Amino acid sequence: MARPKSKSTAKPARKPAGKAPAKSPRKTAPVQSLSGDADVLARIADALERLAPRRPAAPDLTVADAYVWQPDGELAPVPHVNRVGMSLLQGIDRVRDMLVENTERFAKGLPANNALLWGARGMGKSSLVKASHAAINAARTAKSGPLKLVEIHREDIESLPELMAIARASSFRFIVFCDDLSFDNDDTSYKSLKAVLDGGVEGRPDNVIFYATSNRRHLMSRDMIENERSTAINPGETVEEKVSLSDRFGLWLGFHRCSQDEFLAMVEGYVAYHKINVSPEDLRREALEWATTRGSRSGRVAWQFIQELAGRLGVVLRD
């Protein structure tokens, strides 16, 4: 007799709750060609080049003997320098000889000092610097090359290290000239000048000398010095830090108010040079009257009188 089949005790397989979504194939970014990448990089480089500040071109120092330093890093040539002849500078014989001698040594490659021309206004400080430059160049030969005069404005002193870098890379010799140099109480740009003149790592280049003019011996007013003494914790150190700038100038040349005879000598020199026809008596009387109305006697006042006299007499002044 056949044996009955036993019921299976195995549990039925559990059906999945839901069908799993089929996986979509992975998308891959399109691969750019090497030429396309190069084009993109070239466009980025061009855009950055346009945004970057323009690099100043190397200055051509053969087109002139005098230049004006621009704050954007360029040297603007000066084809015609506004100067007075050395023979017309009266009443400053001693300081004239000292500055010319110092400039001659520098032009020959010998040791020379930075010079600070300080003192009374209108007495020919800046005129002497320009006249000395012209006199030295007139005596130099074509083989030795001209001496270059570069004027830097007082407000551009902080860019002086950039000018020094240009001069250091040149074969010419430079007089860097700053007219009417002075500093206010909250002005810190004098520190840049101190480092360039003496005390910095690079120092002053051998082919550069610095001439400055100022009405102040220590390049700052007496009130400013007294204020530093009264407000500083250590007055001596604070004042020393600021007046030490003038110590960087090895040559101090003082200009003082001229006497009546020196003033008349200036006037007579101008009259002879420009060939103004006027009697000595009238010239003396009118010149003294002009100085009295101006309240001072100086080379600037003498030149202003000559312009008035020449204009009144119809005389064209010589260059």
C-alpha atoms as a PDB file:
ATOM      1  CA  MET A   1       0.000   0.000   0.000  1.00  0.00           C
ATOM      2  CA  ALA A   2       1.393   3.316  -0.987  1.00  0.00           C
ATOM      3  CA  ARG A   3       2.565   5.608   1.775  1.00  0.00           C
ATOM      4  CA  PRO A   4       0.851   9.021   1.760  1.00  0.00           C
ATOM      5  CA  LYS A   5       3.042  12.006   0.962  1.00  0.00           C
ATOM      6  CA  SER A   6       3.769  14.284   3.884  1.00  0.00           C
ATOM      7  CA  LYS A   7       3.102  17.967   3.601  1.00  0.00           C
ATOM      8  CA  SER A   8       6.222  20.064   3.131  1.00  0.00           C
ATOM      9  CA  THR A   9       7.173  22.192   6.092  1.00  0.00           C
ATOM     10  CA  ALA A  10       9.193  24.679   4.000  1.00  0.00           C
ATOM     11  CA  LYS A  11       7.864  28.217   4.101  1.00  0.00           C
ATOM     12  CA  PRO A  12       6.910  29.788   0.806  1.00  0.00           C
ATOM     13  CA  ALA A  13       9.283  32.425  -0.493  1.00  0.00           C
ATOM     14  CA  ARG A  14       8.291  36.016   0.381  1.00  0.00           C
ATOM     15  CA  LYS A  15       7.460  38.112  -2.565  1.00  0.00           C
ATOM     16  CA  PRO A  16       9.196  41.461  -2.812  1.00  0.00           C
ATOM     17  CA  ALA A  17       7.125  44.448  -1.727  1.00  0.00           C
ATOM     18  CA  GLY A  18       7.896  46.331  -4.856  1.00  0.00           C
ATOM     19  CA  LYS A  19       9.993  46.081  -7.906  1.00  0.00           C
ATOM     20  CA  ALA A  20      13.392  47.802  -7.581  1.00  0.00           C
ATOM     21  CA  PRO A  21      13.860  50.571 -10.174  1.00  0.00           C
ATOM     22  CA  ALA A  22      16.289  49.753 -12.843  1.00  0.00           C
ATOM     23  CA  LYS A  23      19.575  51.589 -12.599  1.00  0.00           C
ATOM     24  CA  SER A  24      20.100  54.208 -15.304  1.00  0.00           C
ATOM     25  CA  PRO A  25      23.412  54.226 -17.068  1.00  0.00           C
ATOM     26  CA  ARG A  26      25.997  56.690 -15.563  1.00  0.00           C
ATOM     27  CA  LYS A  27      26.298  59.924 -17.493  1.00  0.00           C
ATOM     28  CA  THR A  28      29.812  61.075 -18.286  1.00  0.00           C
ATOM     29  CA  ALA A  29      30.784  64.723 -18.957  1.00  0.00           C
ATOM     30  CA  PRO A  30      31.870  65.369 -22.455  1.00  0.00           C
ATOM     31  CA  VAL A  31      35.646  65.480 -22.704  1.00  0.00           C
ATOM     32  CA  GLN A  32      36.971  68.671 -24.254  1.00  0.00           C
ATOM     33  CA  SER A  33      39.723  68.438 -26.701  1.00  0.00           C
ATOM     34  CA  LEU A  34      43.170  69.706 -25.820  1.00  0.00           C
ATOM     35  CA  SER A  35      42.827  72.494 -28.350  1.00  0.00           C
ATOM     36  CA  GLY A  36      39.618  73.673 -26.633  1.00  0.00           C
ATOM     37  CA  ASP A  37      41.354  73.828 -23.241  1.00  0.00           C
ATOM     38  CA  ALA A  38      44.186  75.856 -24.723  1.00  0.00           C
ATOM     39  CA  ASP A  39      41.723  78.357 -26.197  1.00  0.00           C
ATOM     40  CA  VAL A  40      39.989  78.837 -22.827  1.00  0.00           C
ATOM     41  CA  LEU A  41      43.289  79.348 -21.005  1.00  0.00           C
ATOM     42  CA  ALA A  42      44.416  81.833 -23.621  1.00  0.00           C
ATOM     43  CA  ARG A  43      41.212  83.865 -23.202  1.00  0.00           C
ATOM     44  CA  ILE A  44      41.627  83.872 -19.399  1.00  0.00           C
ATOM     45  CA  ALA A  45      45.222  85.018 -19.711  1.00  0.00           C
ATOM     46  CA  ASP A  46      44.200  87.838 -22.078  1.00  0.00           C
ATOM     47  CA  ALA A  47      41.486  88.984 -19.673  1.00  0.00           C
ATOM     48  CA  LEU A  48      43.906  89.042 -16.723  1.00  0.00           C
ATOM     49  CA  GLU A  49      46.443  90.950 -18.800  1.00  0.00           C
ATOM     50  CA  ARG A  50      43.847  93.627 -19.552  1.00  0.00           C
ATOM     51  CA  LEU A  51      42.904  93.917 -15.870  1.00  0.00           C
ATOM     52  CA  ALA A  52      46.487  94.123 -14.647  1.00  0.00           C
ATOM     53  CA  PRO A  53      48.120  97.585 -14.435  1.00  0.00           C
ATOM     54  CA  ARG A  54      50.165  98.485 -17.449  1.00  0.00           C
ATOM     55  CA  ARG A  55      53.872  97.913 -16.941  1.00  0.00           C
ATOM     56  CA  PRO A  56      55.751 101.141 -17.678  1.00  0.00           C
ATOM     57  CA  ALA A  57      58.167 100.922 -20.542  1.00  0.00           C
ATOM     58  CA  ALA A  58      61.873 101.382 -19.880  1.00  0.00           C
ATOM     59  CA  PRO A  59      62.595 105.123 -20.063  1.00  0.00           C
ATOM     60  CA  ASP A  60      64.683 106.509 -22.901  1.00  0.00           C
ATOM     61  CA  LEU A  61      67.306 108.540 -21.055  1.00  0.00           C
ATOM     62  CA  THR A  62      68.989 109.812 -24.197  1.00  0.00           C
ATOM     63  CA  VAL A  63      66.276 112.251 -25.311  1.00  0.00           C
ATOM     64  CA  ALA A  64      66.971 114.920 -22.656  1.00  0.00           C
ATOM     65  CA  ASP A  65      69.270 115.896 -19.801  1.00  0.00           C
ATOM     66  CA  ALA A  66      66.427 116.698 -17.385  1.00  0.00           C
ATOM     67  CA  TYR A  67      63.309 114.738 -16.397  1.00  0.00           C
ATOM     68  CA  VAL A  68      60.356 114.955 -14.034  1.00  0.00           C
ATOM     69  CA  TRP A  69      59.434 111.811 -12.127  1.00  0.00           C
ATOM     70  CA  GLN A  70      55.759 110.883 -12.483  1.00  0.00           C
ATOM     71  CA  PRO A  71      53.918 108.948  -9.744  1.00  0.00           C
ATOM     72  CA  ASP A  72      52.903 106.274 -12.276  1.00  0.00           C
ATOM     73  CA  GLY A  73      56.554 105.276 -12.641  1.00  0.00           C
ATOM     74  CA  GLU A  74      57.509 107.221 -15.763  1.00  0.00           C
ATOM     75  CA  LEU A  75      60.187 109.838 -16.426  1.00  0.00           C
ATOM     76  CA  ALA A  76      58.841 112.774 -18.415  1.00  0.00           C
ATOM     77  CA  PRO A  77      61.618 114.495 -20.411  1.00  0.00           C
ATOM     78  CA  VAL A  78      62.050 118.271 -20.057  1.00  0.00           C
ATOM     79  CA  PRO A  79      63.420 119.653 -23.341  1.00  0.00           C
ATOM     80  CA  HIS A  80      63.954 123.176 -21.980  1.00  0.00           C
ATOM     81  CA  VAL A  81      64.863 123.657 -18.314  1.00  0.00           C
ATOM     82  CA  ASN A  82      63.730 126.867 -16.627  1.00  0.00           C
ATOM     83  CA  ARG A  83      67.068 128.020 -15.234  1.00  0.00           C
ATOM     84  CA  VAL A  84      69.156 131.113 -14.527  1.00  0.00           C
ATOM     85  CA  GLY A  85      72.777 131.412 -15.645  1.00  0.00           C
ATOM     86  CA  MET A  86      75.432 130.873 -13.002  1.00  0.00           C
ATOM     87  CA  SER A  87      76.856 134.346 -13.549  1.00  0.00           C
ATOM     88  CA  LEU A  88      73.524 135.922 -12.595  1.00  0.00           C
ATOM     89  CA  LEU A  89      73.436 134.343  -9.140  1.00  0.00           C
ATOM     90  CA  GLN A  90      74.778 137.092  -6.893  1.00  0.00           C
ATOM     91  CA  GLY A  91      75.439 137.151  -3.158  1.00  0.00           C
ATOM     92  CA  ILE A  92      75.801 133.367  -2.773  1.00  0.00           C
ATOM     93  CA  ASP A  93      79.408 132.900  -3.871  1.00  0.00           C
ATOM     94  CA  ARG A  94      80.494 130.613  -1.024  1.00  0.00           C
ATOM     95  CA  VAL A  95      77.595 128.155  -1.209  1.00  0.00           C
ATOM     96  CA  ARG A  96      77.769 128.284  -5.004  1.00  0.00           C
ATOM     97  CA  ASP A  97      81.397 127.159  -5.007  1.00  0.00           C
ATOM     98  CA  MET A  98      80.714 124.387  -2.485  1.00  0.00           C
ATOM     99  CA  LEU A  99      77.788 122.922  -4.418  1.00  0.00           C
ATOM    100  CA  VAL A 100      79.575 123.103  -7.779  1.00  0.00           C
ATOM    101  CA  GLU A 101      82.644 121.390  -6.319  1.00  0.00           C
ATOM    102  CA  ASN A 102      80.497 118.639  -4.770  1.00  0.00           C
ATOM    103  CA  THR A 103      78.665 118.118  -8.076  1.00  0.00           C
ATOM    104  CA  GLU A 104      81.917 117.988 -10.032  1.00  0.00           C
ATOM    105  CA  ARG A 105      83.243 115.231  -7.776  1.00  0.00           C
ATOM    106  CA  PHE A 106      80.063 113.238  -8.197  1.00  0.00           C
ATOM    107  CA  ALA A 107      80.126 113.636 -11.989  1.00  0.00           C
ATOM    108  CA  LYS A 108      83.676 112.242 -12.033  1.00  0.00           C
ATOM    109  CA  GLY A 109      82.648 109.193 -10.031  1.00  0.00           C
ATOM    110  CA  LEU A 110      84.317 110.404  -6.828  1.00  0.00           C
ATOM    111  CA  PRO A 111      82.701 110.397  -3.369  1.00  0.00           C
ATOM    112  CA  ALA A 112      80.199 113.231  -2.860  1.00  0.00           C
ATOM    113  CA  ASN A 113      77.517 114.155  -0.339  1.00  0.00           C
ATOM    114  CA  ASN A 114      73.789 114.605  -0.546  1.00  0.00           C
ATOM    115  CA  ALA A 115      73.076 118.327  -0.201  1.00  0.00           C
ATOM    116  CA  LEU A 116      70.383 120.248   1.660  1.00  0.00           C
ATOM    117  CA  LEU A 117      70.025 123.876   0.568  1.00  0.00           C
ATOM    118  CA  TRP A 118      68.030 125.627   3.267  1.00  0.00           C
ATOM    119  CA  GLY A 119      67.268 129.165   4.321  1.00  0.00           C
ATOM    120  CA  ALA A 120      65.598 132.380   3.227  1.00  0.00           C
ATOM    121  CA  ARG A 121      63.024 132.156   0.461  1.00  0.00           C
ATOM    122  CA  GLY A 122      63.772 133.569  -2.960  1.00  0.00           C
ATOM    123  CA  MET A 123      67.559 133.508  -2.550  1.00  0.00           C
ATOM    124  CA  GLY A 124      68.328 131.112  -5.400  1.00  0.00           C
ATOM    125  CA  LYS A 125      68.380 127.661  -3.789  1.00  0.00           C
ATOM    126  CA  SER A 126      66.649 125.795  -6.621  1.00  0.00           C
ATOM    127  CA  SER A 127      68.226 128.104  -9.214  1.00  0.00           C
ATOM    128  CA  LEU A 128      71.681 127.111  -7.957  1.00  0.00           C
ATOM    129  CA  VAL A 129      70.913 123.387  -8.302  1.00  0.00           C
ATOM    130  CA  LYS A 130      69.775 123.815 -11.919  1.00  0.00           C
ATOM    131  CA  ALA A 131      72.638 126.167 -12.764  1.00  0.00           C
ATOM    132  CA  SER A 132      75.188 123.733 -11.298  1.00  0.00           C
ATOM    133  CA  HIS A 133      73.754 120.905 -13.396  1.00  0.00           C
ATOM    134  CA  ALA A 134      74.023 123.011 -16.565  1.00  0.00           C
ATOM    135  CA  ALA A 135      77.548 124.186 -15.759  1.00  0.00           C
ATOM    136  CA  ILE A 136      78.825 120.644 -15.129  1.00  0.00           C
ATOM    137  CA  ASN A 137      77.253 119.313 -18.325  1.00  0.00           C
ATOM    138  CA  ALA A 138      78.756 122.161 -20.350  1.00  0.00           C
ATOM    139  CA  ALA A 139      82.237 121.092 -19.213  1.00  0.00           C
ATOM    140  CA  ARG A 140      81.734 117.354 -19.773  1.00  0.00           C
ATOM    141  CA  THR A 141      82.806 115.626 -22.963  1.00  0.00           C
ATOM    142  CA  ALA A 142      80.666 113.428 -25.176  1.00  0.00           C
ATOM    143  CA  LYS A 143      82.652 110.402 -24.027  1.00  0.00           C
ATOM    144  CA  SER A 144      81.862 110.921 -20.348  1.00  0.00           C
ATOM    145  CA  GLY A 145      78.157 111.431 -21.045  1.00  0.00           C
ATOM    146  CA  PRO A 146      75.782 114.040 -19.616  1.00  0.00           C
ATOM    147  CA  LEU A 147      74.715 114.271 -16.013  1.00  0.00           C
ATOM    148  CA  LYS A 148      70.950 113.723 -15.656  1.00  0.00           C
ATOM    149  CA  LEU A 149      68.735 115.936 -13.494  1.00  0.00           C
ATOM    150  CA  VAL A 150      65.528 114.294 -12.220  1.00  0.00           C
ATOM    151  CA  GLU A 151      63.009 116.340 -10.242  1.00  0.00           C
ATOM    152  CA  ILE A 152      60.702 114.526  -7.858  1.00  0.00           C
ATOM    153  CA  HIS A 153      57.785 116.375  -6.297  1.00  0.00           C
ATOM    154  CA  ARG A 154      57.361 116.482  -2.560  1.00  0.00           C
ATOM    155  CA  GLU A 155      54.118 114.477  -2.651  1.00  0.00           C
ATOM    156  CA  ASP A 156      55.777 111.657  -4.641  1.00  0.00           C
ATOM    157  CA  ILE A 157      58.557 110.951  -2.130  1.00  0.00           C
ATOM    158  CA  GLU A 158      57.049 107.575  -1.211  1.00  0.00           C
ATOM    159  CA  SER A 159      57.714 106.371  -4.778  1.00  0.00           C
ATOM    160  CA  LEU A 160      61.404 107.271  -4.493  1.00  0.00           C
ATOM    161  CA  PRO A 161      62.527 103.606  -4.180  1.00  0.00           C
ATOM    162  CA  GLU A 162      61.031 102.909  -7.634  1.00  0.00           C
ATOM    163  CA  LEU A 163      63.030 105.794  -9.101  1.00  0.00           C
ATOM    164  CA  MET A 164      66.176 104.476  -7.406  1.00  0.00           C
ATOM    165  CA  ALA A 165      65.629 101.079  -9.033  1.00  0.00           C
ATOM    166  CA  ILE A 166      65.506 102.684 -12.497  1.00  0.00           C
ATOM    167  CA  ALA A 167      68.608 104.776 -11.824  1.00  0.00           C
ATOM    168  CA  ARG A 168      70.528 101.802 -10.420  1.00  0.00           C
ATOM    169  CA  ALA A 169      70.020  99.885 -13.673  1.00  0.00           C
ATOM    170  CA  SER A 170      71.253 102.808 -15.814  1.00  0.00           C
ATOM    171  CA  SER A 171      74.773 103.737 -16.874  1.00  0.00           C
ATOM    172  CA  PHE A 172      74.076 107.480 -16.439  1.00  0.00           C
ATOM    173  CA  ARG A 173      74.687 109.495 -13.282  1.00  0.00           C
ATOM    174  CA  PHE A 174      71.709 111.269 -11.709  1.00  0.00           C
ATOM    175  CA  ILE A 175      71.011 114.297  -9.551  1.00  0.00           C
ATOM    176  CA  VAL A 176      67.637 113.622  -7.928  1.00  0.00           C
ATOM    177  CA  PHE A 177      66.242 117.002  -6.955  1.00  0.00           C
ATOM    178  CA  CYS A 178      63.297 117.846  -4.663  1.00  0.00           C
ATOM    179  CA  ASP A 179      62.295 121.492  -4.367  1.00  0.00           C
ATOM    180  CA  ASP A 180      60.687 122.909  -1.213  1.00  0.00           C
ATOM    181  CA  LEU A 181      60.986 119.704   0.809  1.00  0.00           C
ATOM    182  CA  SER A 182      59.237 119.781   4.183  1.00  0.00           C
ATOM    183  CA  PHE A 183      57.023 117.558   6.313  1.00  0.00           C
ATOM    184  CA  ASP A 184      53.893 118.077   8.383  1.00  0.00           C
ATOM    185  CA  ASN A 185      53.183 116.703  11.835  1.00  0.00           C
ATOM    186  CA  ASP A 186      51.257 113.592  10.706  1.00  0.00           C
ATOM    187  CA  ASP A 187      53.418 112.919   7.648  1.00  0.00           C
ATOM    188  CA  THR A 188      55.365 109.638   7.683  1.00  0.00           C
ATOM    189  CA  SER A 189      56.708 109.689   4.120  1.00  0.00           C
ATOM    190  CA  TYR A 190      60.005 111.047   5.461  1.00  0.00           C
ATOM    191  CA  LYS A 191      60.810 107.482   6.556  1.00  0.00           C
ATOM    192  CA  SER A 192      61.020 106.366   2.920  1.00  0.00           C
ATOM    193  CA  LEU A 193      63.491 109.154   2.216  1.00  0.00           C
ATOM    194  CA  LYS A 194      65.594 108.253   5.262  1.00  0.00           C
ATOM    195  CA  ALA A 195      65.902 104.641   4.127  1.00  0.00           C
ATOM    196  CA  VAL A 196      66.898 105.612   0.589  1.00  0.00           C
ATOM    197  CA  LEU A 197      69.449 108.236   1.589  1.00  0.00           C
ATOM    198  CA  ASP A 198      71.164 106.233   4.284  1.00  0.00           C
ATOM    199  CA  GLY A 199      70.323 103.267   6.452  1.00  0.00           C
ATOM    200  CA  GLY A 200      68.390 100.999   4.086  1.00  0.00           C
ATOM    201  CA  VAL A 201      69.566  97.575   2.976  1.00  0.00           C
ATOM    202  CA  GLU A 202      70.193  98.716  -0.604  1.00  0.00           C
ATOM    203  CA  GLY A 203      71.118 102.284   0.238  1.00  0.00           C
ATOM    204  CA  ARG A 204      71.627 105.036  -2.291  1.00  0.00           C
ATOM    205  CA  PRO A 205      72.945 103.834  -5.668  1.00  0.00           C
ATOM    206  CA  ASP A 206      76.499 104.923  -6.482  1.00  0.00           C
ATOM    207  CA  ASN A 207      75.278 106.777  -9.576  1.00  0.00           C
ATOM    208  CA  VAL A 208      72.693 108.870  -7.681  1.00  0.00           C
ATOM    209  CA  ILE A 209      73.025 111.953  -5.501  1.00  0.00           C
ATOM    210  CA  PHE A 210      70.115 113.710  -3.782  1.00  0.00           C
ATOM    211  CA  TYR A 211      69.735 117.513  -3.626  1.00  0.00           C
ATOM    212  CA  ALA A 212      66.848 119.128  -1.747  1.00  0.00           C
ATOM    213  CA  THR A 213      65.830 122.708  -1.005  1.00  0.00           C
ATOM    214  CA  SER A 214      63.805 123.829   1.981  1.00  0.00           C
ATOM    215  CA  ASN A 215      63.025 126.940   3.972  1.00  0.00           C
ATOM    216  CA  ARG A 216      63.488 124.827   7.121  1.00  0.00           C
ATOM    217  CA  ARG A 217      66.843 123.595   8.329  1.00  0.00           C
ATOM    218  CA  HIS A 218      65.418 120.392   9.824  1.00  0.00           C
ATOM    219  CA  LEU A 219      62.698 120.029   7.151  1.00  0.00           C
ATOM    220  CA  MET A 220      59.925 120.727   9.684  1.00  0.00           C
ATOM    221  CA  SER A 221      58.578 123.812  11.407  1.00  0.00           C
ATOM    222  CA  ARG A 222      59.735 124.902  14.847  1.00  0.00           C
ATOM    223  CA  ASP A 223      56.145 124.660  16.119  1.00  0.00           C
ATOM    224  CA  MET A 224      56.054 121.031  15.043  1.00  0.00           C
ATOM    225  CA  ILE A 225      59.269 120.255  16.938  1.00  0.00           C
ATOM    226  CA  GLU A 226      58.009 122.015  20.069  1.00  0.00           C
ATOM    227  CA  ASN A 227      54.706 120.121  19.847  1.00  0.00           C
ATOM    228  CA  GLU A 228      56.565 116.805  19.707  1.00  0.00           C
ATOM    229  CA  ARG A 229      58.569 117.744  22.792  1.00  0.00           C
ATOM    230  CA  SER A 230      55.455 118.667  24.779  1.00  0.00           C
ATOM    231  CA  THR A 231      53.250 115.678  23.899  1.00  0.00           C
ATOM    232  CA  ALA A 232      55.625 112.709  23.537  1.00  0.00           C
ATOM    233  CA  ILE A 233      56.322 110.252  26.354  1.00  0.00           C
ATOM    234  CA  ASN A 234      60.010 110.511  25.578  1.00  0.00           C
ATOM    235  CA  PRO A 235      60.340 113.924  23.873  1.00  0.00           C
ATOM    236  CA  GLY A 236      64.026 113.565  23.070  1.00  0.00           C
ATOM    237  CA  GLU A 237      63.652 110.306  21.143  1.00  0.00           C
ATOM    238  CA  THR A 238      60.590 111.496  19.191  1.00  0.00           C
ATOM    239  CA  VAL A 239      62.231 114.697  18.034  1.00  0.00           C
ATOM    240  CA  GLU A 240      65.484 112.916  17.223  1.00  0.00           C
ATOM    241  CA  GLU A 241      63.652 110.468  14.958  1.00  0.00           C
ATOM    242  CA  LYS A 242      62.217 113.263  12.822  1.00  0.00           C
ATOM    243  CA  VAL A 243      65.116 115.704  12.715  1.00  0.00           C
ATOM    244  CA  SER A 244      67.543 112.872  11.951  1.00  0.00           C
ATOM    245  CA  LEU A 245      66.388 113.084   8.322  1.00  0.00           C
ATOM    246  CA  SER A 246      68.436 116.249   7.848  1.00  0.00           C
ATOM    247  CA  ASP A 247      71.472 114.342   9.142  1.00  0.00           C
ATOM    248  CA  ARG A 248      71.309 112.187   6.000  1.00  0.00           C
ATOM    249  CA  PHE A 249      72.512 115.238   4.058  1.00  0.00           C
ATOM    250  CA  GLY A 250      76.257 115.525   4.424  1.00  0.00           C
ATOM    251  CA  LEU A 251      76.355 119.006   2.908  1.00  0.00           C
ATOM    252  CA  TRP A 252      74.276 121.771   4.506  1.00  0.00           C
ATOM    253  CA  LEU A 253      74.235 125.047   2.589  1.00  0.00           C
ATOM    254  CA  GLY A 254      72.580 128.012   4.293  1.00  0.00           C
ATOM    255  CA  PHE A 255      71.009 130.906   2.363  1.00  0.00           C
ATOM    256  CA  HIS A 256      70.374 134.153   4.190  1.00  0.00           C
ATOM    257  CA  ARG A 257      68.687 137.418   3.331  1.00  0.00           C
ATOM    258  CA  CYS A 258      70.763 139.664   1.143  1.00  0.00           C
ATOM    259  CA  SER A 259      71.938 143.176   1.920  1.00  0.00           C
ATOM    260  CA  GLN A 260      70.939 146.251  -0.055  1.00  0.00           C
ATOM    261  CA  ASP A 261      74.221 146.239  -1.964  1.00  0.00           C
ATOM    262  CA  GLU A 262      73.794 142.555  -2.874  1.00  0.00           C
ATOM    263  CA  PHE A 263      70.238 143.211  -4.022  1.00  0.00           C
ATOM    264  CA  LEU A 264      71.361 146.073  -6.258  1.00  0.00           C
ATOM    265  CA  ALA A 265      74.151 143.856  -7.658  1.00  0.00           C
ATOM    266  CA  MET A 266      71.526 141.263  -8.635  1.00  0.00           C
ATOM    267  CA  VAL A 267      69.449 143.913 -10.388  1.00  0.00           C
ATOM    268  CA  GLU A 268      72.458 145.366 -12.226  1.00  0.00           C
ATOM    269  CA  GLY A 269      73.508 141.889 -13.352  1.00  0.00           C
ATOM    270  CA  TYR A 270      70.094 141.232 -14.872  1.00  0.00           C
ATOM    271  CA  VAL A 271      70.067 144.642 -16.579  1.00  0.00           C
ATOM    272  CA  ALA A 272      73.476 144.050 -18.162  1.00  0.00           C
ATOM    273  CA  TYR A 273      72.605 140.532 -19.297  1.00  0.00           C
ATOM    274  CA  HIS A 274      69.305 141.498 -20.894  1.00  0.00           C
ATOM    275  CA  LYS A 275      70.691 144.797 -22.251  1.00  0.00           C
ATOM    276  CA  ILE A 276      68.056 147.035 -20.709  1.00  0.00           C
ATOM    277  CA  ASN A 277      68.793 150.692 -21.380  1.00  0.00           C
ATOM    278  CA  VAL A 278      68.237 152.588 -18.124  1.00  0.00           C
ATOM    279  CA  SER A 279      70.330 155.133 -16.242  1.00  0.00           C
ATOM    280  CA  PRO A 280      72.098 153.918 -13.066  1.00  0.00           C
ATOM    281  CA  GLU A 281      70.344 156.579 -10.955  1.00  0.00           C
ATOM    282  CA  ASP A 282      66.863 155.622 -12.127  1.00  0.00           C
ATOM    283  CA  LEU A 283      67.672 151.935 -11.812  1.00  0.00           C
ATOM    284  CA  ARG A 284      68.835 152.284  -8.209  1.00  0.00           C
ATOM    285  CA  ARG A 285      65.878 154.448  -7.179  1.00  0.00           C
ATOM    286  CA  GLU A 286      63.236 152.243  -8.802  1.00  0.00           C
ATOM    287  CA  ALA A 287      64.797 148.992  -7.573  1.00  0.00           C
ATOM    288  CA  LEU A 288      64.906 150.153  -3.955  1.00  0.00           C
ATOM    289  CA  GLU A 289      61.354 151.433  -4.181  1.00  0.00           C
ATOM    290  CA  TRP A 290      60.235 148.068  -5.596  1.00  0.00           C
ATOM    291  CA  ALA A 291      61.951 146.178  -2.744  1.00  0.00           C
ATOM    292  CA  THR A 292      60.344 148.490  -0.176  1.00  0.00           C
ATOM    293  CA  THR A 293      56.854 147.855  -1.528  1.00  0.00           C
ATOM    294  CA  ARG A 294      57.504 144.109  -1.460  1.00  0.00           C
ATOM    295  CA  GLY A 295      58.847 144.205   2.067  1.00  0.00           C
ATOM    296  CA  SER A 296      61.934 142.127   1.285  1.00  0.00           C
ATOM    297  CA  ARG A 297      65.117 141.922  -0.758  1.00  0.00           C
ATOM    298  CA  SER A 298      65.973 138.683  -2.544  1.00  0.00           C
ATOM    299  CA  GLY A 299      66.916 137.273  -5.923  1.00  0.00           C
ATOM    300  CA  ARG A 300      63.262 136.525  -6.659  1.00  0.00           C
ATOM    301  CA  VAL A 301      62.246 140.118  -5.890  1.00  0.00           C
ATOM    302  CA  ALA A 302      65.082 141.377  -8.128  1.00  0.00           C
ATOM    303  CA  TRP A 303      63.904 139.192 -11.005  1.00  0.00           C
ATOM    304  CA  GLN A 304      60.312 140.352 -10.573  1.00  0.00           C
ATOM    305  CA  PHE A 305      61.496 143.962 -10.747  1.00  0.00           C
ATOM    306  CA  ILE A 306      63.427 143.210 -13.947  1.00  0.00           C
ATOM    307  CA  GLN A 307      60.324 141.729 -15.552  1.00  0.00           C
ATOM    308  CA  GLU A 308      58.371 144.854 -14.617  1.00  0.00           C
ATOM    309  CA  LEU A 309      61.115 147.164 -15.912  1.00  0.00           C
ATOM    310  CA  ALA A 310      61.636 145.267 -19.174  1.00  0.00           C
ATOM    311  CA  GLY A 311      57.917 145.115 -19.867  1.00  0.00           C
ATOM    312  CA  ARG A 312      57.507 148.817 -19.249  1.00  0.00           C
ATOM    313  CA  LEU A 313      60.438 149.672 -21.562  1.00  0.00           C
ATOM    314  CA  GLY A 314      59.408 147.193 -24.258  1.00  0.00           C
ATOM    315  CA  VAL A 315      62.478 144.965 -23.930  1.00  0.00           C
ATOM    316  CA  VAL A 316      62.234 141.249 -24.737  1.00  0.00           C
ATOM    317  CA  LEU A 317      64.121 139.204 -22.155  1.00  0.00           C
ATOM    318  CA  ARG A 318      66.713 136.702 -23.340  1.00  0.00           C
ATOM    319  CA  ASP A 319      66.465 132.988 -22.614  1.00  0.00           C
END
